[in-house]
PDB file of N, CA and C in Angstrom:
ATOM      1  N   MET A   1       0.812  -1.198  -0.007  1.00  0.00           N
ATOM      2  CA  MET A   1       0.011   0.009   0.008  1.00  0.00           C
ATOM      3  C   MET A   1       0.848   1.254  -0.001  1.00  0.00           C
ATOM      4  N   GLU A   2       2.005   1.203   0.735  1.00  0.00           N
ATOM      5  CA  GLU A   2       2.887   2.365   0.777  1.00  0.00           C
ATOM      6  C   GLU A   2       3.517   2.652  -0.559  1.00  0.00           C
ATOM      7  N   ILE A   3       3.805   1.586  -1.348  1.00  0.00           N
ATOM      8  CA  ILE A   3       4.393   1.776  -2.683  1.00  0.00           C
ATOM      9  C   ILE A   3       3.382   2.532  -3.575  1.00  0.00           C
ATOM     10  N   LEU A   4       2.145   2.104  -3.535  1.00  0.00           N
ATOM     11  CA  LEU A   4       1.113   2.756  -4.347  1.00  0.00           C
ATOM     12  C   LEU A   4       0.934   4.234  -3.934  1.00  0.00           C
ATOM     13  N   MET A   5       0.979   4.487  -2.605  1.00  0.00           N
ATOM     14  CA  MET A   5       0.877   5.866  -2.143  1.00  0.00           C
ATOM     15  C   MET A   5       2.081   6.690  -2.571  1.00  0.00           C
ATOM     16  N   ALA A   6       3.285   6.100  -2.567  1.00  0.00           N
ATOM     17  CA  ALA A   6       4.492   6.828  -2.975  1.00  0.00           C
ATOM     18  C   ALA A   6       4.388   7.192  -4.480  1.00  0.00           C
ATOM     19  N   ILE A   7       3.879   6.259  -5.285  1.00  0.00           N
ATOM     20  CA  ILE A   7       3.729   6.549  -6.719  1.00  0.00           C
ATOM     21  C   ILE A   7       2.724   7.668  -6.922  1.00  0.00           C
ATOM     22  N   LEU A   8       1.600   7.589  -6.198  1.00  0.00           N
ATOM     23  CA  LEU A   8       0.578   8.624  -6.328  1.00  0.00           C
ATOM     24  C   LEU A   8       1.098   9.994  -5.867  1.00  0.00           C
ATOM     25  N   ILE A   9       1.870   9.995  -4.768  1.00  0.00           N
ATOM     26  CA  ILE A   9       2.442  11.256  -4.272  1.00  0.00           C
ATOM     27  C   ILE A   9       3.430  11.846  -5.247  1.00  0.00           C
ATOM     28  N   GLY A  10       4.238  10.985  -5.835  1.00  0.00           N
ATOM     29  CA  GLY A  10       5.187  11.434  -6.864  1.00  0.00           C
ATOM     30  C   GLY A  10       4.492  12.001  -8.064  1.00  0.00           C
ATOM     31  N   PHE A  11       3.404  11.353  -8.509  1.00  0.00           N
ATOM     32  CA  PHE A  11       2.630  11.854  -9.639  1.00  0.00           C
ATOM     33  C   PHE A  11       2.018  13.214  -9.311  1.00  0.00           C
ATOM     34  N   LEU A  12       1.478  13.385  -8.098  1.00  0.00           N
ATOM     35  CA  LEU A  12       0.898  14.661  -7.685  1.00  0.00           C
ATOM     36  C   LEU A  12       1.929  15.755  -7.646  1.00  0.00           C
ATOM     37  N   PHE A  13       3.126  15.449  -7.078  1.00  0.00           N
ATOM     38  CA  PHE A  13       4.193  16.431  -7.013  1.00  0.00           C
ATOM     39  C   PHE A  13       4.698  16.817  -8.393  1.00  0.00           C
ATOM     40  N   ALA A  14       4.823  15.816  -9.279  1.00  0.00           N
ATOM     41  CA  ALA A  14       5.285  16.111 -10.653  1.00  0.00           C
ATOM     42  C   ALA A  14       4.278  16.980 -11.418  1.00  0.00           C
ATOM     43  N   SER A  15       3.006  16.620 -11.277  1.00  0.00           N
ATOM     44  CA  SER A  15       1.968  17.411 -11.948  1.00  0.00           C
ATOM     45  C   SER A  15       1.895  18.830 -11.388  1.00  0.00           C
ATOM     46  N   ALA A  16       2.044  18.959 -10.073  1.00  0.00           N
ATOM     47  CA  ALA A  16       2.006  20.261  -9.443  1.00  0.00           C
ATOM     48  C   ALA A  16       3.185  21.123  -9.901  1.00  0.00           C
ATOM     49  N   THR A  17       4.356  20.508  -9.984  1.00  0.00           N
ATOM     50  CA  THR A  17       5.521  21.267 -10.466  1.00  0.00           C
ATOM     51  C   THR A  17       5.342  21.726 -11.888  1.00  0.00           C
ATOM     52  N   TYR A  18       4.823  20.856 -12.736  1.00  0.00           N
ATOM     53  CA  TYR A  18       4.561  21.244 -14.135  1.00  0.00           C
ATOM     54  C   TYR A  18       3.594  22.414 -14.210  1.00  0.00           C
ATOM     55  N   LEU A  19       2.529  22.327 -13.426  1.00  0.00           N
ATOM     56  CA  LEU A  19       1.526  23.398 -13.472  1.00  0.00           C
ATOM     57  C   LEU A  19       2.036  24.703 -12.867  1.00  0.00           C
ATOM     58  N   LEU A  20       2.871  24.601 -11.824  1.00  0.00           N
ATOM     59  CA  LEU A  20       3.395  25.803 -11.197  1.00  0.00           C
ATOM     60  C   LEU A  20       4.380  26.542 -12.104  1.00  0.00           C
ATOM     61  N   LEU A  21       5.003  25.850 -13.038  1.00  0.00           N
ATOM     62  CA  LEU A  21       5.965  26.477 -13.919  1.00  0.00           C
ATOM     63  C   LEU A  21       5.296  27.067 -15.153  1.00  0.00           C
ATOM     64  N   SER A  22       4.007  26.985 -15.272  1.00  0.00           N
ATOM     65  CA  SER A  22       3.311  27.535 -16.420  1.00  0.00           C
ATOM     66  C   SER A  22       3.128  29.067 -16.243  1.00  0.00           C
ATOM     67  N   LYS A  23       2.619  29.727 -17.299  1.00  0.00           N
ATOM     68  CA  LYS A  23       2.451  31.152 -17.251  1.00  0.00           C
ATOM     69  C   LYS A  23       1.042  31.581 -16.843  1.00  0.00           C
ATOM     70  N   SER A  24       0.085  30.683 -16.845  1.00  0.00           N
ATOM     71  CA  SER A  24      -1.280  31.019 -16.490  1.00  0.00           C
ATOM     72  C   SER A  24      -1.497  30.948 -14.998  1.00  0.00           C
ATOM     73  N   ILE A  25      -2.189  31.954 -14.475  1.00  0.00           N
ATOM     74  CA  ILE A  25      -2.446  32.003 -13.034  1.00  0.00           C
ATOM     75  C   ILE A  25      -3.339  30.885 -12.617  1.00  0.00           C
ATOM     76  N   LEU A  26      -4.344  30.570 -13.413  1.00  0.00           N
ATOM     77  CA  LEU A  26      -5.295  29.490 -13.051  1.00  0.00           C
ATOM     78  C   LEU A  26      -4.544  28.148 -12.983  1.00  0.00           C
ATOM     79  N   ARG A  27      -3.624  27.877 -13.889  1.00  0.00           N
ATOM     80  CA  ARG A  27      -2.853  26.635 -13.817  1.00  0.00           C
ATOM     81  C   ARG A  27      -1.988  26.644 -12.560  1.00  0.00           C
ATOM     82  N   MET A  28      -1.461  27.775 -12.194  1.00  0.00           N
ATOM     83  CA  MET A  28      -0.637  27.862 -10.971  1.00  0.00           C
ATOM     84  C   MET A  28      -1.483  27.547  -9.736  1.00  0.00           C
ATOM     85  N   ILE A  29      -2.720  28.054  -9.716  1.00  0.00           N
ATOM     86  CA  ILE A  29      -3.588  27.769  -8.556  1.00  0.00           C
ATOM     87  C   ILE A  29      -3.930  26.290  -8.481  1.00  0.00           C
ATOM     88  N   ILE A  30      -4.221  25.667  -9.661  1.00  0.00           N
ATOM     89  CA  ILE A  30      -4.471  24.218  -9.624  1.00  0.00           C
ATOM     90  C   ILE A  30      -3.232  23.463  -9.178  1.00  0.00           C
ATOM     91  N   GLY A  31      -2.055  23.903  -9.614  1.00  0.00           N
ATOM     92  CA  GLY A  31      -0.820  23.276  -9.192  1.00  0.00           C
ATOM     93  C   GLY A  31      -0.599  23.389  -7.686  1.00  0.00           C
ATOM     94  N   THR A  32      -0.955  24.521  -7.128  1.00  0.00           N
ATOM     95  CA  THR A  32      -0.837  24.690  -5.672  1.00  0.00           C
ATOM     96  C   THR A  32      -1.793  23.724  -4.953  1.00  0.00           C
ATOM     97  N   GLY A  33      -2.991  23.561  -5.488  1.00  0.00           N
ATOM     98  CA  GLY A  33      -3.914  22.599  -4.890  1.00  0.00           C
ATOM     99  C   GLY A  33      -3.383  21.173  -4.965  1.00  0.00           C
ATOM    100  N   LEU A  34      -2.859  20.789  -6.107  1.00  0.00           N
ATOM    101  CA  LEU A  34      -2.278  19.440  -6.246  1.00  0.00           C
ATOM    102  C   LEU A  34      -1.105  19.236  -5.303  1.00  0.00           C
ATOM    103  N   LEU A  35      -0.265  20.264  -5.145  1.00  0.00           N
ATOM    104  CA  LEU A  35       0.846  20.147  -4.246  1.00  0.00           C
ATOM    105  C   LEU A  35       0.433  19.978  -2.805  1.00  0.00           C
ATOM    106  N   SER A  36      -0.633  20.669  -2.427  1.00  0.00           N
ATOM    107  CA  SER A  36      -1.143  20.511  -1.043  1.00  0.00           C
ATOM    108  C   SER A  36      -1.713  19.123  -0.825  1.00  0.00           C
ATOM    109  N   HIS A  37      -2.423  18.620  -1.848  1.00  0.00           N
ATOM    110  CA  HIS A  37      -2.968  17.234  -1.706  1.00  0.00           C
ATOM    111  C   HIS A  37      -1.844  16.209  -1.645  1.00  0.00           C
ATOM    112  N   GLY A  38      -0.782  16.419  -2.422  1.00  0.00           N
ATOM    113  CA  GLY A  38       0.366  15.531  -2.323  1.00  0.00           C
ATOM    114  C   GLY A  38       1.020  15.558  -0.964  1.00  0.00           C
ATOM    115  N   ALA A  39       1.128  16.764  -0.378  1.00  0.00           N
ATOM    116  CA  ALA A  39       1.706  16.903   0.943  1.00  0.00           C
ATOM    117  C   ALA A  39       0.811  16.208   1.989  1.00  0.00           C
ATOM    118  N   HIS A  40      -0.512  16.288   1.826  1.00  0.00           N
ATOM    119  CA  HIS A  40      -1.410  15.653   2.762  1.00  0.00           C
ATOM    120  C   HIS A  40      -1.239  14.115   2.728  1.00  0.00           C
ATOM    121  N   LEU A  41      -1.171  13.596   1.499  1.00  0.00           N
ATOM    122  CA  LEU A  41      -0.950  12.128   1.347  1.00  0.00           C
ATOM    123  C   LEU A  41       0.410  11.714   1.903  1.00  0.00           C
ATOM    124  N   LEU A  42       1.411  12.569   1.742  1.00  0.00           N
ATOM    125  CA  LEU A  42       2.753  12.249   2.251  1.00  0.00           C
ATOM    126  C   LEU A  42       2.730  12.203   3.793  1.00  0.00           C
ATOM    127  N   ILE A  43       2.072  13.141   4.407  1.00  0.00           N
ATOM    128  CA  ILE A  43       1.982  13.132   5.890  1.00  0.00           C
ATOM    129  C   ILE A  43       1.220  11.904   6.370  1.00  0.00           C
ATOM    130  N   LEU A  44       0.109  11.575   5.674  1.00  0.00           N
ATOM    131  CA  LEU A  44      -0.663  10.406   6.052  1.00  0.00           C
ATOM    132  C   LEU A  44       0.151   9.134   5.907  1.00  0.00           C
ATOM    133  N   THR A  45       0.920   9.017   4.837  1.00  0.00           N
ATOM    134  CA  THR A  45       1.721   7.822   4.613  1.00  0.00           C
ATOM    135  C   THR A  45       2.873   7.721   5.613  1.00  0.00           C
ATOM    136  N   MET A  46       3.483   8.837   5.956  1.00  0.00           N
ATOM    137  CA  MET A  46       4.563   8.828   6.931  1.00  0.00           C
ATOM    138  C   MET A  46       4.065   8.500   8.306  1.00  0.00           C
ATOM    139  N   GLY A  47       2.774   8.792   8.581  1.00  0.00           N
ATOM    140  CA  GLY A  47       2.202   8.450   9.874  1.00  0.00           C
ATOM    141  C   GLY A  47       1.899   6.964  10.015  1.00  0.00           C
ATOM    142  N   GLY A  48       1.971   6.234   8.918  1.00  0.00           N
ATOM    143  CA  GLY A  48       1.743   4.805   8.967  1.00  0.00           C
ATOM    144  C   GLY A  48       0.327   4.437   8.544  1.00  0.00           C
ATOM    145  N   LEU A  49       0.215   3.550   7.598  1.00  0.00           N
ATOM    146  CA  LEU A  49      -1.089   3.109   7.114  1.00  0.00           C
ATOM    147  C   LEU A  49      -1.469   1.810   7.794  1.00  0.00           C
ATOM    148  N   LYS A  50      -2.444   1.810   8.590  1.00  0.00           N
ATOM    149  CA  LYS A  50      -2.914   0.596   9.275  1.00  0.00           C
ATOM    150  C   LYS A  50      -4.349   0.326   8.807  1.00  0.00           C
ATOM    151  N   LYS A  51      -4.550  -0.828   8.257  1.00  0.00           N
ATOM    152  CA  LYS A  51      -5.845  -1.160   7.756  1.00  0.00           C
ATOM    153  C   LYS A  51      -6.748  -1.664   8.888  1.00  0.00           C
ATOM    154  N   GLY A  52      -7.905  -1.071   9.002  1.00  0.00           N
ATOM    155  CA  GLY A  52      -8.891  -1.519   9.960  1.00  0.00           C
ATOM    156  C   GLY A  52      -8.733  -0.916  11.363  1.00  0.00           C
ATOM    157  N   ALA A  53      -7.721  -0.125  11.606  1.00  0.00           N
ATOM    158  CA  ALA A  53      -7.527   0.467  12.916  1.00  0.00           C
ATOM    159  C   ALA A  53      -8.211   1.834  12.966  1.00  0.00           C
ATOM    160  N   VAL A  54      -8.735   2.143  14.095  1.00  0.00           N
ATOM    161  CA  VAL A  54      -9.412   3.419  14.254  1.00  0.00           C
ATOM    162  C   VAL A  54      -8.448   4.441  14.850  1.00  0.00           C
ATOM    163  N   PRO A  55      -8.646   5.738  14.546  1.00  0.00           N
ATOM    164  CA  PRO A  55      -7.729   6.748  15.075  1.00  0.00           C
ATOM    165  C   PRO A  55      -8.112   7.201  16.515  1.00  0.00           C
ATOM    166  N   LEU A  56      -8.227   6.257  17.412  1.00  0.00           N
ATOM    167  CA  LEU A  56      -8.559   6.552  18.785  1.00  0.00           C
ATOM    168  C   LEU A  56      -7.527   5.912  19.698  1.00  0.00           C
ATOM    169  N   VAL A  57      -7.277   6.513  20.831  1.00  0.00           N
ATOM    170  CA  VAL A  57      -6.341   5.966  21.811  1.00  0.00           C
ATOM    171  C   VAL A  57      -7.133   5.126  22.811  1.00  0.00           C
ATOM    172  N   ASN A  58      -6.673   3.890  22.991  1.00  0.00           N
ATOM    173  CA  ASN A  58      -7.334   3.035  23.964  1.00  0.00           C
ATOM    174  C   ASN A  58      -6.372   2.606  25.047  1.00  0.00           C
ATOM    175  N   GLU A  59      -6.881   2.003  26.095  1.00  0.00           N
ATOM    176  CA  GLU A  59      -6.043   1.568  27.239  1.00  0.00           C
ATOM    177  C   GLU A  59      -5.775   0.074  27.220  1.00  0.00           C
ATOM    178  N   GLU A  60      -6.373  -0.658  26.292  1.00  0.00           N
ATOM    179  CA  GLU A  60      -6.242  -2.107  26.302  1.00  0.00           C
ATOM    180  C   GLU A  60      -5.125  -2.662  25.432  1.00  0.00           C
ATOM    181  N   GLY A  61      -4.438  -1.807  24.725  1.00  0.00           N
ATOM    182  CA  GLY A  61      -3.345  -2.259  23.887  1.00  0.00           C
ATOM    183  C   GLY A  61      -3.761  -2.727  22.512  1.00  0.00           C
ATOM    184  N   VAL A  62      -4.998  -2.456  22.111  1.00  0.00           N
ATOM    185  CA  VAL A  62      -5.443  -2.789  20.777  1.00  0.00           C
ATOM    186  C   VAL A  62      -4.751  -1.881  19.797  1.00  0.00           C
ATOM    187  N   PRO A  63      -4.298  -2.415  18.664  1.00  0.00           N
ATOM    188  CA  PRO A  63      -3.593  -1.540  17.684  1.00  0.00           C
ATOM    189  C   PRO A  63      -4.507  -0.401  17.184  1.00  0.00           C
ATOM    190  N   VAL A  64      -3.982   0.786  17.326  1.00  0.00           N
ATOM    191  CA  VAL A  64      -4.701   1.946  16.862  1.00  0.00           C
ATOM    192  C   VAL A  64      -3.839   2.762  15.914  1.00  0.00           C
ATOM    193  N   THR A  65      -4.501   3.622  15.154  1.00  0.00           N
ATOM    194  CA  THR A  65      -3.789   4.502  14.268  1.00  0.00           C
ATOM    195  C   THR A  65      -3.471   5.778  15.003  1.00  0.00           C
ATOM    196  N   ASP A  66      -2.312   6.346  14.715  1.00  0.00           N
ATOM    197  CA  ASP A  66      -1.909   7.608  15.350  1.00  0.00           C
ATOM    198  C   ASP A  66      -2.845   8.712  14.849  1.00  0.00           C
ATOM    199  N   PRO A  67      -3.524   9.422  15.730  1.00  0.00           N
ATOM    200  CA  PRO A  67      -4.477  10.433  15.271  1.00  0.00           C
ATOM    201  C   PRO A  67      -3.773  11.759  14.931  1.00  0.00           C
ATOM    202  N   LEU A  68      -2.506  11.927  15.245  1.00  0.00           N
ATOM    203  CA  LEU A  68      -1.826  13.199  14.966  1.00  0.00           C
ATOM    204  C   LEU A  68      -1.719  13.532  13.497  1.00  0.00           C
ATOM    205  N   PRO A  69      -1.322  12.584  12.617  1.00  0.00           N
ATOM    206  CA  PRO A  69      -1.271  12.940  11.165  1.00  0.00           C
ATOM    207  C   PRO A  69      -2.660  13.320  10.635  1.00  0.00           C
ATOM    208  N   GLN A  70      -3.674  12.635  11.096  1.00  0.00           N
ATOM    209  CA  GLN A  70      -5.034  12.953  10.597  1.00  0.00           C
ATOM    210  C   GLN A  70      -5.473  14.333  11.085  1.00  0.00           C
ATOM    211  N   ALA A  71      -5.116  14.687  12.302  1.00  0.00           N
ATOM    212  CA  ALA A  71      -5.479  16.035  12.778  1.00  0.00           C
ATOM    213  C   ALA A  71      -4.693  17.107  12.042  1.00  0.00           C
ATOM    214  N   LEU A  72      -3.420  16.816  11.759  1.00  0.00           N
ATOM    215  CA  LEU A  72      -2.617  17.779  10.981  1.00  0.00           C
ATOM    216  C   LEU A  72      -3.185  17.964   9.583  1.00  0.00           C
ATOM    217  N   ILE A  73      -3.551  16.865   8.959  1.00  0.00           N
ATOM    218  CA  ILE A  73      -4.101  16.924   7.597  1.00  0.00           C
ATOM    219  C   ILE A  73      -5.427  17.646   7.570  1.00  0.00           C
ATOM    220  N   LEU A  74      -6.287  17.417   8.539  1.00  0.00           N
ATOM    221  CA  LEU A  74      -7.553  18.112   8.599  1.00  0.00           C
ATOM    222  C   LEU A  74      -7.350  19.604   8.718  1.00  0.00           C
ATOM    223  N   THR A  75      -6.419  20.030   9.560  1.00  0.00           N
ATOM    224  CA  THR A  75      -6.105  21.450   9.663  1.00  0.00           C
ATOM    225  C   THR A  75      -5.523  21.985   8.358  1.00  0.00           C
ATOM    226  N   ALA A  76      -4.652  21.218   7.740  1.00  0.00           N
ATOM    227  CA  ALA A  76      -4.023  21.673   6.488  1.00  0.00           C
ATOM    228  C   ALA A  76      -5.048  21.757   5.367  1.00  0.00           C
ATOM    229  N   ILE A  77      -6.029  20.865   5.354  1.00  0.00           N
ATOM    230  CA  ILE A  77      -7.064  20.935   4.306  1.00  0.00           C
ATOM    231  C   ILE A  77      -7.876  22.213   4.433  1.00  0.00           C
ATOM    232  N   VAL A  78      -8.235  22.574   5.658  1.00  0.00           N
ATOM    233  CA  VAL A  78      -9.019  23.774   5.888  1.00  0.00           C
ATOM    234  C   VAL A  78      -8.217  25.009   5.453  1.00  0.00           C
ATOM    235  N   ILE A  79      -6.912  25.038   5.859  1.00  0.00           N
ATOM    236  CA  ILE A  79      -6.063  26.154   5.427  1.00  0.00           C
ATOM    237  C   ILE A  79      -5.882  26.228   3.942  1.00  0.00           C
ATOM    238  N   SER A  80      -5.710  25.066   3.308  1.00  0.00           N
ATOM    239  CA  SER A  80      -5.509  25.088   1.850  1.00  0.00           C
ATOM    240  C   SER A  80      -6.750  25.512   1.095  1.00  0.00           C
ATOM    241  N   PHE A  81      -7.925  25.164   1.618  1.00  0.00           N
ATOM    242  CA  PHE A  81      -9.174  25.645   0.988  1.00  0.00           C
ATOM    243  C   PHE A  81      -9.260  27.193   1.075  1.00  0.00           C
ATOM    244  N   GLY A  82      -8.881  27.731   2.239  1.00  0.00           N
ATOM    245  CA  GLY A  82      -8.915  29.152   2.401  1.00  0.00           C
ATOM    246  C   GLY A  82      -7.929  29.852   1.480  1.00  0.00           C
ATOM    247  N   VAL A  83      -6.717  29.334   1.379  1.00  0.00           N
ATOM    248  CA  VAL A  83      -5.702  29.926   0.540  1.00  0.00           C
ATOM    249  C   VAL A  83      -6.078  29.822  -0.947  1.00  0.00           C
ATOM    250  N   THR A  84      -6.678  28.679  -1.326  1.00  0.00           N
ATOM    251  CA  THR A  84      -7.097  28.501  -2.719  1.00  0.00           C
ATOM    252  C   THR A  84      -8.232  29.495  -3.048  1.00  0.00           C
ATOM    253  N   ALA A  85      -9.130  29.657  -2.143  1.00  0.00           N
ATOM    254  CA  ALA A  85     -10.220  30.651  -2.380  1.00  0.00           C
ATOM    255  C   ALA A  85      -9.663  32.049  -2.506  1.00  0.00           C
ATOM    256  N   LEU A  86      -8.700  32.397  -1.678  1.00  0.00           N
ATOM    257  CA  LEU A  86      -8.090  33.719  -1.806  1.00  0.00           C
ATOM    258  C   LEU A  86      -7.356  33.879  -3.105  1.00  0.00           C
ATOM    259  N   PHE A  87      -6.619  32.878  -3.552  1.00  0.00           N
ATOM    260  CA  PHE A  87      -5.930  32.925  -4.847  1.00  0.00           C
ATOM    261  C   PHE A  87      -6.917  33.090  -5.996  1.00  0.00           C
ATOM    262  N   LEU A  88      -8.030  32.350  -5.947  1.00  0.00           N
ATOM    263  CA  LEU A  88      -9.037  32.419  -6.990  1.00  0.00           C
ATOM    264  C   LEU A  88      -9.658  33.820  -7.078  1.00  0.00           C
ATOM    265  N   VAL A  89      -9.938  34.402  -5.916  1.00  0.00           N
ATOM    266  CA  VAL A  89     -10.539  35.731  -5.927  1.00  0.00           C
ATOM    267  C   VAL A  89      -9.524  36.748  -6.469  1.00  0.00           C
ATOM    268  N   LEU A  90      -8.252  36.644  -6.074  1.00  0.00           N
ATOM    269  CA  LEU A  90      -7.260  37.576  -6.572  1.00  0.00           C
ATOM    270  C   LEU A  90      -7.042  37.423  -8.062  1.00  0.00           C
ATOM    271  N   ALA A  91      -7.031  36.162  -8.538  1.00  0.00           N
ATOM    272  CA  ALA A  91      -6.841  35.916  -9.976  1.00  0.00           C
ATOM    273  C   ALA A  91      -8.047  36.443 -10.757  1.00  0.00           C
ATOM    274  N   TYR A  92      -9.242  36.208 -10.256  1.00  0.00           N
ATOM    275  CA  TYR A  92     -10.439  36.712 -10.967  1.00  0.00           C
ATOM    276  C   TYR A  92     -10.449  38.248 -11.004  1.00  0.00           C
ATOM    277  N   ARG A  93     -10.067  38.875  -9.910  1.00  0.00           N
ATOM    278  CA  ARG A  93     -10.061  40.333  -9.845  1.00  0.00           C
ATOM    279  C   ARG A  93      -8.992  40.926 -10.772  1.00  0.00           C
ATOM    280  N   SER A  94      -7.818  40.291 -10.810  1.00  0.00           N
ATOM    281  CA  SER A  94      -6.757  40.768 -11.681  1.00  0.00           C
ATOM    282  C   SER A  94      -7.161  40.535 -13.145  1.00  0.00           C
ATOM    283  N   PHE A  95      -7.886  39.479 -13.454  1.00  0.00           N
ATOM    284  CA  PHE A  95      -8.354  39.237 -14.821  1.00  0.00           C
ATOM    285  C   PHE A  95      -9.388  40.282 -15.210  1.00  0.00           C
ATOM    286  N   GLN A  96     -10.231  40.677 -14.280  1.00  0.00           N
ATOM    287  CA  GLN A  96     -11.232  41.723 -14.578  1.00  0.00           C
ATOM    288  C   GLN A  96     -10.560  43.058 -14.838  1.00  0.00           C
ATOM    289  N   GLU A  97      -9.541  43.361 -14.064  1.00  0.00           N
ATOM    290  CA  GLU A  97      -8.880  44.686 -14.195  1.00  0.00           C
ATOM    291  C   GLU A  97      -7.942  44.738 -15.369  1.00  0.00           C
ATOM    292  N   LEU A  98      -7.186  43.678 -15.611  1.00  0.00           N
ATOM    293  CA  LEU A  98      -6.136  43.707 -16.601  1.00  0.00           C
ATOM    294  C   LEU A  98      -6.460  42.965 -17.882  1.00  0.00           C
ATOM    295  N   GLY A  99      -7.436  42.060 -17.838  1.00  0.00           N
ATOM    296  CA  GLY A  99      -7.856  41.348 -19.030  1.00  0.00           C
ATOM    297  C   GLY A  99      -6.983  40.182 -19.464  1.00  0.00           C
ATOM    298  N   THR A 100      -6.094  39.753 -18.572  1.00  0.00           N
ATOM    299  CA  THR A 100      -5.254  38.615 -18.920  1.00  0.00           C
ATOM    300  C   THR A 100      -4.844  37.874 -17.644  1.00  0.00           C
ATOM    301  N   ASP A 101      -4.484  36.614 -17.828  1.00  0.00           N
ATOM    302  CA  ASP A 101      -3.938  35.855 -16.703  1.00  0.00           C
ATOM    303  C   ASP A 101      -2.548  35.324 -17.005  1.00  0.00           C
ATOM    304  N   ASN A 102      -1.947  35.847 -18.054  1.00  0.00           N
ATOM    305  CA  ASN A 102      -0.606  35.455 -18.437  1.00  0.00           C
ATOM    306  C   ASN A 102       0.407  36.203 -17.579  1.00  0.00           C
ATOM    307  N   MET A 103       1.312  35.496 -16.967  1.00  0.00           N
ATOM    308  CA  MET A 103       2.264  36.130 -16.028  1.00  0.00           C
ATOM    309  C   MET A 103       3.214  37.081 -16.763  1.00  0.00           C
ATOM    310  N   ASP A 104       3.601  36.780 -17.999  1.00  0.00           N
ATOM    311  CA  ASP A 104       4.459  37.674 -18.738  1.00  0.00           C
ATOM    312  C   ASP A 104       3.772  38.990 -19.058  1.00  0.00           C
ATOM    313  N   GLU A 105       2.510  38.938 -19.411  1.00  0.00           N
ATOM    314  CA  GLU A 105       1.772  40.184 -19.686  1.00  0.00           C
ATOM    315  C   GLU A 105       1.473  40.966 -18.414  1.00  0.00           C
ATOM    316  N   LEU A 106       1.295  40.282 -17.308  1.00  0.00           N
ATOM    317  CA  LEU A 106       1.062  40.989 -16.033  1.00  0.00           C
ATOM    318  C   LEU A 106       2.346  41.670 -15.579  1.00  0.00           C
ATOM    319  N   ARG A 107       3.488  41.120 -15.915  1.00  0.00           N
ATOM    320  CA  ARG A 107       4.749  41.669 -15.457  1.00  0.00           C
ATOM    321  C   ARG A 107       5.031  43.012 -16.134  1.00  0.00           C
ATOM    322  N   GLY A 108       4.488  43.211 -17.364  1.00  0.00           N
ATOM    323  CA  GLY A 108       4.665  44.460 -18.033  1.00  0.00           C
ATOM    324  C   GLY A 108       5.980  44.641 -18.743  1.00  0.00           C
ATOM    325  N   THR A 109       6.545  43.516 -19.216  1.00  0.00           N
ATOM    326  CA  THR A 109       7.809  43.572 -19.904  1.00  0.00           C
ATOM    327  C   THR A 109       7.626  43.337 -21.389  1.00  0.00           C
ATOM    328  N   ASP A 110       8.581  43.748 -22.192  1.00  0.00           N
ATOM    329  CA  ASP A 110       8.660  43.441 -23.647  1.00  0.00           C
ATOM    330  C   ASP A 110       7.426  43.902 -24.402  1.00  0.00           C
ATOM    331  N   GLY A 111       7.226  45.194 -24.478  1.00  0.00           N
ATOM    332  CA  GLY A 111       6.206  45.744 -25.341  1.00  0.00           C
ATOM    333  C   GLY A 111       4.806  45.677 -24.797  1.00  0.00           C
ATOM    334  N   ASN A 112       4.629  45.435 -23.523  1.00  0.00           N
ATOM    335  CA  ASN A 112       3.311  45.442 -22.951  1.00  0.00           C
ATOM    336  C   ASN A 112       2.988  46.687 -22.180  1.00  0.00           C
ATOM    337  N   GLU A 113       3.837  47.716 -22.333  1.00  0.00           N
ATOM    338  CA  GLU A 113       3.576  48.941 -21.600  1.00  0.00           C
ATOM    339  C   GLU A 113       2.572  49.800 -22.352  1.00  0.00           C
TER     340      GLU A 113
END
């Protein structure tokens, strides 16, 4: 299971890097979202994948899953949704004002003045 998760995390990181290197703001926002999902899966995998165990602490010694990675991921998901919403609003507003989402045209270089 960890091998499959490692492949999926690598695919998400590679896709996110490709999208972050593009010139479109919308692609960069999608890349940021993919990168955050890859980080969430990485934290979950590093915490240990136990099939059938619940994330609760018991006193009887029954195998349980560590609840800390899940709590960290839940917090990170909420923060990433907020950051993504902020990026989308800023991108939409800049598109309304400037009429483009190309980073080279937003920079104002090479004949775009």
